[in-house]
Amino acid sequence: MKTLEELLCIKGEPFTMREARKWCNGIHRNTLSYIMKEEFKVKMKNKTKVYYK
């Protein structure tokens, strides 16, 4: 499975929940939300949450 760290590295900038869901195809959104809250920092960008390390 592609990891969220790989997404962050390849993209080179913070990612959104929508991008994470596309990247981790087949993983439930609640599971992704839990992982992202535990492993990444969050900030607001134009009324959208973006995640980074």
PDB file of N, CA and C in Angstrom:
ATOM      1  N   MET A   1       0.844  -1.186   0.000  1.00  0.00           N
ATOM      2  CA  MET A   1       0.000   0.000   0.000  1.00  0.00           C
ATOM      3  C   MET A   1       0.887   1.246   0.000  1.00  0.00           C
ATOM      4  N   LYS A   2       0.488   2.202  -0.762  1.00  0.00           N
ATOM      5  CA  LYS A   2       1.191   3.478  -0.781  1.00  0.00           C
ATOM      6  C   LYS A   2       0.944   4.177   0.550  1.00  0.00           C
ATOM      7  N   THR A   3       1.961   4.781   1.095  1.00  0.00           N
ATOM      8  CA  THR A   3       1.811   5.427   2.395  1.00  0.00           C
ATOM      9  C   THR A   3       1.592   6.922   2.252  1.00  0.00           C
ATOM     10  N   LEU A   4       1.077   7.492   3.300  1.00  0.00           N
ATOM     11  CA  LEU A   4       0.851   8.932   3.302  1.00  0.00           C
ATOM     12  C   LEU A   4       2.166   9.699   3.315  1.00  0.00           C
ATOM     13  N   GLU A   5       3.212   9.102   3.904  1.00  0.00           N
ATOM     14  CA  GLU A   5       4.522   9.750   3.867  1.00  0.00           C
ATOM     15  C   GLU A   5       5.036   9.840   2.425  1.00  0.00           C
ATOM     16  N   GLU A   6       4.783   8.804   1.635  1.00  0.00           N
ATOM     17  CA  GLU A   6       5.179   8.834   0.221  1.00  0.00           C
ATOM     18  C   GLU A   6       4.428   9.933  -0.519  1.00  0.00           C
ATOM     19  N   LEU A   7       3.142  10.073  -0.229  1.00  0.00           N
ATOM     20  CA  LEU A   7       2.352  11.137  -0.854  1.00  0.00           C
ATOM     21  C   LEU A   7       2.953  12.497  -0.526  1.00  0.00           C
ATOM     22  N   LEU A   8       3.282  12.708   0.726  1.00  0.00           N
ATOM     23  CA  LEU A   8       3.854  13.977   1.147  1.00  0.00           C
ATOM     24  C   LEU A   8       5.202  14.224   0.470  1.00  0.00           C
ATOM     25  N   CYS A   9       6.028  13.190   0.367  1.00  0.00           N
ATOM     26  CA  CYS A   9       7.345  13.313  -0.253  1.00  0.00           C
ATOM     27  C   CYS A   9       7.237  13.605  -1.749  1.00  0.00           C
ATOM     28  N   ILE A  10       6.383  12.869  -2.430  1.00  0.00           N
ATOM     29  CA  ILE A  10       6.242  13.042  -3.881  1.00  0.00           C
ATOM     30  C   ILE A  10       5.601  14.384  -4.221  1.00  0.00           C
ATOM     31  N   LYS A  11       4.564  14.733  -3.479  1.00  0.00           N
ATOM     32  CA  LYS A  11       3.865  15.992  -3.742  1.00  0.00           C
ATOM     33  C   LYS A  11       4.726  17.193  -3.365  1.00  0.00           C
ATOM     34  N   GLY A  12       5.474  17.067  -2.272  1.00  0.00           N
ATOM     35  CA  GLY A  12       6.358  18.149  -1.856  1.00  0.00           C
ATOM     36  C   GLY A  12       5.659  19.286  -1.142  1.00  0.00           C
ATOM     37  N   GLU A  13       4.412  19.095  -0.780  1.00  0.00           N
ATOM     38  CA  GLU A  13       3.654  20.108  -0.041  1.00  0.00           C
ATOM     39  C   GLU A  13       2.547  19.398   0.733  1.00  0.00           C
ATOM     40  N   PRO A  14       1.922  20.075   1.699  1.00  0.00           N
ATOM     41  CA  PRO A  14       0.855  19.436   2.474  1.00  0.00           C
ATOM     42  C   PRO A  14      -0.276  18.927   1.585  1.00  0.00           C
ATOM     43  N   PHE A  15      -0.963  17.872   2.054  1.00  0.00           N
ATOM     44  CA  PHE A  15      -2.029  17.260   1.275  1.00  0.00           C
ATOM     45  C   PHE A  15      -3.367  17.345   2.013  1.00  0.00           C
ATOM     46  N   THR A  16      -4.449  17.226   1.266  1.00  0.00           N
ATOM     47  CA  THR A  16      -5.797  17.281   1.825  1.00  0.00           C
ATOM     48  C   THR A  16      -6.330  15.873   2.048  1.00  0.00           C
ATOM     49  N   MET A  17      -7.452  15.787   2.745  1.00  0.00           N
ATOM     50  CA  MET A  17      -8.110  14.497   2.960  1.00  0.00           C
ATOM     51  C   MET A  17      -8.512  13.887   1.616  1.00  0.00           C
ATOM     52  N   ARG A  18      -8.992  14.684   0.704  1.00  0.00           N
ATOM     53  CA  ARG A  18      -9.408  14.187  -0.617  1.00  0.00           C
ATOM     54  C   ARG A  18      -8.232  13.543  -1.351  1.00  0.00           C
ATOM     55  N   GLU A  19      -7.074  14.192  -1.292  1.00  0.00           N
ATOM     56  CA  GLU A  19      -5.881  13.638  -1.937  1.00  0.00           C
ATOM     57  C   GLU A  19      -5.447  12.343  -1.248  1.00  0.00           C
ATOM     58  N   ALA A  20      -5.543  12.308   0.070  1.00  0.00           N
ATOM     59  CA  ALA A  20      -5.174  11.096   0.813  1.00  0.00           C
ATOM     60  C   ALA A  20      -6.105   9.942   0.460  1.00  0.00           C
ATOM     61  N   ARG A  21      -7.385  10.208   0.305  1.00  0.00           N
ATOM     62  CA  ARG A  21      -8.351   9.154  -0.046  1.00  0.00           C
ATOM     63  C   ARG A  21      -8.083   8.606  -1.444  1.00  0.00           C
ATOM     64  N   LYS A  22      -7.719   9.475  -2.368  1.00  0.00           N
ATOM     65  CA  LYS A  22      -7.367   9.007  -3.715  1.00  0.00           C
ATOM     66  C   LYS A  22      -6.082   8.180  -3.681  1.00  0.00           C
ATOM     67  N   TRP A  23      -5.119   8.623  -2.885  1.00  0.00           N
ATOM     68  CA  TRP A  23      -3.822   7.950  -2.793  1.00  0.00           C
ATOM     69  C   TRP A  23      -3.953   6.572  -2.165  1.00  0.00           C
ATOM     70  N   CYS A  24      -4.747   6.467  -1.101  1.00  0.00           N
ATOM     71  CA  CYS A  24      -4.928   5.211  -0.361  1.00  0.00           C
ATOM     72  C   CYS A  24      -6.262   4.579  -0.747  1.00  0.00           C
ATOM     73  N   ASN A  25      -6.408   4.273  -1.986  1.00  0.00           N
ATOM     74  CA  ASN A  25      -7.654   3.721  -2.515  1.00  0.00           C
ATOM     75  C   ASN A  25      -8.082   2.481  -1.721  1.00  0.00           C
ATOM     76  N   GLY A  26      -9.332   2.478  -1.253  1.00  0.00           N
ATOM     77  CA  GLY A  26      -9.871   1.325  -0.554  1.00  0.00           C
ATOM     78  C   GLY A  26      -9.831   1.421   0.959  1.00  0.00           C
ATOM     79  N   ILE A  27      -9.160   2.439   1.502  1.00  0.00           N
ATOM     80  CA  ILE A  27      -9.109   2.638   2.952  1.00  0.00           C
ATOM     81  C   ILE A  27     -10.260   3.552   3.351  1.00  0.00           C
ATOM     82  N   HIS A  28     -11.007   3.153   4.365  1.00  0.00           N
ATOM     83  CA  HIS A  28     -12.160   3.945   4.806  1.00  0.00           C
ATOM     84  C   HIS A  28     -11.717   5.319   5.289  1.00  0.00           C
ATOM     85  N   ARG A  29     -12.527   6.318   5.048  1.00  0.00           N
ATOM     86  CA  ARG A  29     -12.155   7.690   5.382  1.00  0.00           C
ATOM     87  C   ARG A  29     -11.980   7.890   6.880  1.00  0.00           C
ATOM     88  N   ASN A  30     -12.731   7.193   7.713  1.00  0.00           N
ATOM     89  CA  ASN A  30     -12.566   7.315   9.165  1.00  0.00           C
ATOM     90  C   ASN A  30     -11.213   6.771   9.610  1.00  0.00           C
ATOM     91  N   THR A  31     -10.767   5.693   8.984  1.00  0.00           N
ATOM     92  CA  THR A  31      -9.452   5.132   9.289  1.00  0.00           C
ATOM     93  C   THR A  31      -8.360   6.118   8.901  1.00  0.00           C
ATOM     94  N   LEU A  32      -8.479   6.704   7.715  1.00  0.00           N
ATOM     95  CA  LEU A  32      -7.503   7.706   7.280  1.00  0.00           C
ATOM     96  C   LEU A  32      -7.495   8.900   8.220  1.00  0.00           C
ATOM     97  N   SER A  33      -8.661   9.351   8.619  1.00  0.00           N
ATOM     98  CA  SER A  33      -8.764  10.492   9.518  1.00  0.00           C
ATOM     99  C   SER A  33      -8.049  10.211  10.833  1.00  0.00           C
ATOM    100  N   TYR A  34      -8.256   9.036  11.382  1.00  0.00           N
ATOM    101  CA  TYR A  34      -7.601   8.644  12.633  1.00  0.00           C
ATOM    102  C   TYR A  34      -6.080   8.638  12.480  1.00  0.00           C
ATOM    103  N   ILE A  35      -5.593   8.025  11.413  1.00  0.00           N
ATOM    104  CA  ILE A  35      -4.150   7.950  11.164  1.00  0.00           C
ATOM    105  C   ILE A  35      -3.564   9.344  10.976  1.00  0.00           C
ATOM    106  N   MET A  36      -4.248  10.177  10.211  1.00  0.00           N
ATOM    107  CA  MET A  36      -3.734  11.506   9.919  1.00  0.00           C
ATOM    108  C   MET A  36      -3.707  12.376  11.172  1.00  0.00           C
ATOM    109  N   LYS A  37      -4.686  12.240  12.051  1.00  0.00           N
ATOM    110  CA  LYS A  37      -4.684  13.004  13.304  1.00  0.00           C
ATOM    111  C   LYS A  37      -3.538  12.586  14.209  1.00  0.00           C
ATOM    112  N   GLU A  38      -3.189  11.299  14.198  1.00  0.00           N
ATOM    113  CA  GLU A  38      -2.127  10.789  15.064  1.00  0.00           C
ATOM    114  C   GLU A  38      -0.726  11.073  14.517  1.00  0.00           C
ATOM    115  N   GLU A  39      -0.556  11.019  13.208  1.00  0.00           N
ATOM    116  CA  GLU A  39       0.777  11.045  12.609  1.00  0.00           C
ATOM    117  C   GLU A  39       1.187  12.368  11.975  1.00  0.00           C
ATOM    118  N   PHE A  40       0.231  13.247  11.684  1.00  0.00           N
ATOM    119  CA  PHE A  40       0.526  14.475  10.951  1.00  0.00           C
ATOM    120  C   PHE A  40       0.008  15.694  11.691  1.00  0.00           C
ATOM    121  N   LYS A  41       0.625  16.816  11.404  1.00  0.00           N
ATOM    122  CA  LYS A  41       0.140  18.102  11.904  1.00  0.00           C
ATOM    123  C   LYS A  41      -0.880  18.628  10.899  1.00  0.00           C
ATOM    124  N   VAL A  42      -1.773  19.485  11.368  1.00  0.00           N
ATOM    125  CA  VAL A  42      -2.816  20.006  10.492  1.00  0.00           C
ATOM    126  C   VAL A  42      -2.816  21.533  10.547  1.00  0.00           C
ATOM    127  N   LYS A  43      -3.111  22.149   9.404  1.00  0.00           N
ATOM    128  CA  LYS A  43      -3.299  23.596   9.351  1.00  0.00           C
ATOM    129  C   LYS A  43      -4.394  23.896   8.338  1.00  0.00           C
ATOM    130  N   MET A  44      -4.942  25.080   8.428  1.00  0.00           N
ATOM    131  CA  MET A  44      -6.008  25.485   7.513  1.00  0.00           C
ATOM    132  C   MET A  44      -5.402  26.249   6.340  1.00  0.00           C
ATOM    133  N   LYS A  45      -5.891  25.939   5.155  1.00  0.00           N
ATOM    134  CA  LYS A  45      -5.462  26.625   3.939  1.00  0.00           C
ATOM    135  C   LYS A  45      -6.708  26.854   3.099  1.00  0.00           C
ATOM    136  N   ASN A  46      -7.138  28.101   3.012  1.00  0.00           N
ATOM    137  CA  ASN A  46      -8.353  28.453   2.253  1.00  0.00           C
ATOM    138  C   ASN A  46      -9.558  27.618   2.683  1.00  0.00           C
ATOM    139  N   LYS A  47      -9.809  27.551   3.984  1.00  0.00           N
ATOM    140  CA  LYS A  47     -10.949  26.820   4.577  1.00  0.00           C
ATOM    141  C   LYS A  47     -10.864  25.307   4.397  1.00  0.00           C
ATOM    142  N   THR A  48      -9.685  24.787   4.061  1.00  0.00           N
ATOM    143  CA  THR A  48      -9.481  23.355   3.889  1.00  0.00           C
ATOM    144  C   THR A  48      -8.340  22.909   4.799  1.00  0.00           C
ATOM    145  N   LYS A  49      -8.535  21.790   5.488  1.00  0.00           N
ATOM    146  CA  LYS A  49      -7.470  21.252   6.321  1.00  0.00           C
ATOM    147  C   LYS A  49      -6.423  20.585   5.435  1.00  0.00           C
ATOM    148  N   VAL A  50      -5.163  20.895   5.670  1.00  0.00           N
ATOM    149  CA  VAL A  50      -4.063  20.236   4.987  1.00  0.00           C
ATOM    150  C   VAL A  50      -3.147  19.620   6.030  1.00  0.00           C
ATOM    151  N   TYR A  51      -2.543  18.493   5.679  1.00  0.00           N
ATOM    152  CA  TYR A  51      -1.744  17.722   6.618  1.00  0.00           C
ATOM    153  C   TYR A  51      -0.287  17.705   6.170  1.00  0.00           C
ATOM    154  N   TYR A  52       0.602  17.798   7.157  1.00  0.00           N
ATOM    155  CA  TYR A  52       2.042  17.813   6.891  1.00  0.00           C
ATOM    156  C   TYR A  52       2.769  17.246   8.091  1.00  0.00           C
ATOM    157  N   LYS A  53       4.058  17.029   7.978  1.00  0.00           N
ATOM    158  CA  LYS A  53       4.872  16.516   9.105  1.00  0.00           C
ATOM    159  C   LYS A  53       5.678  17.614   9.687  1.00  0.00           C
TER     160      LYS A  53
END
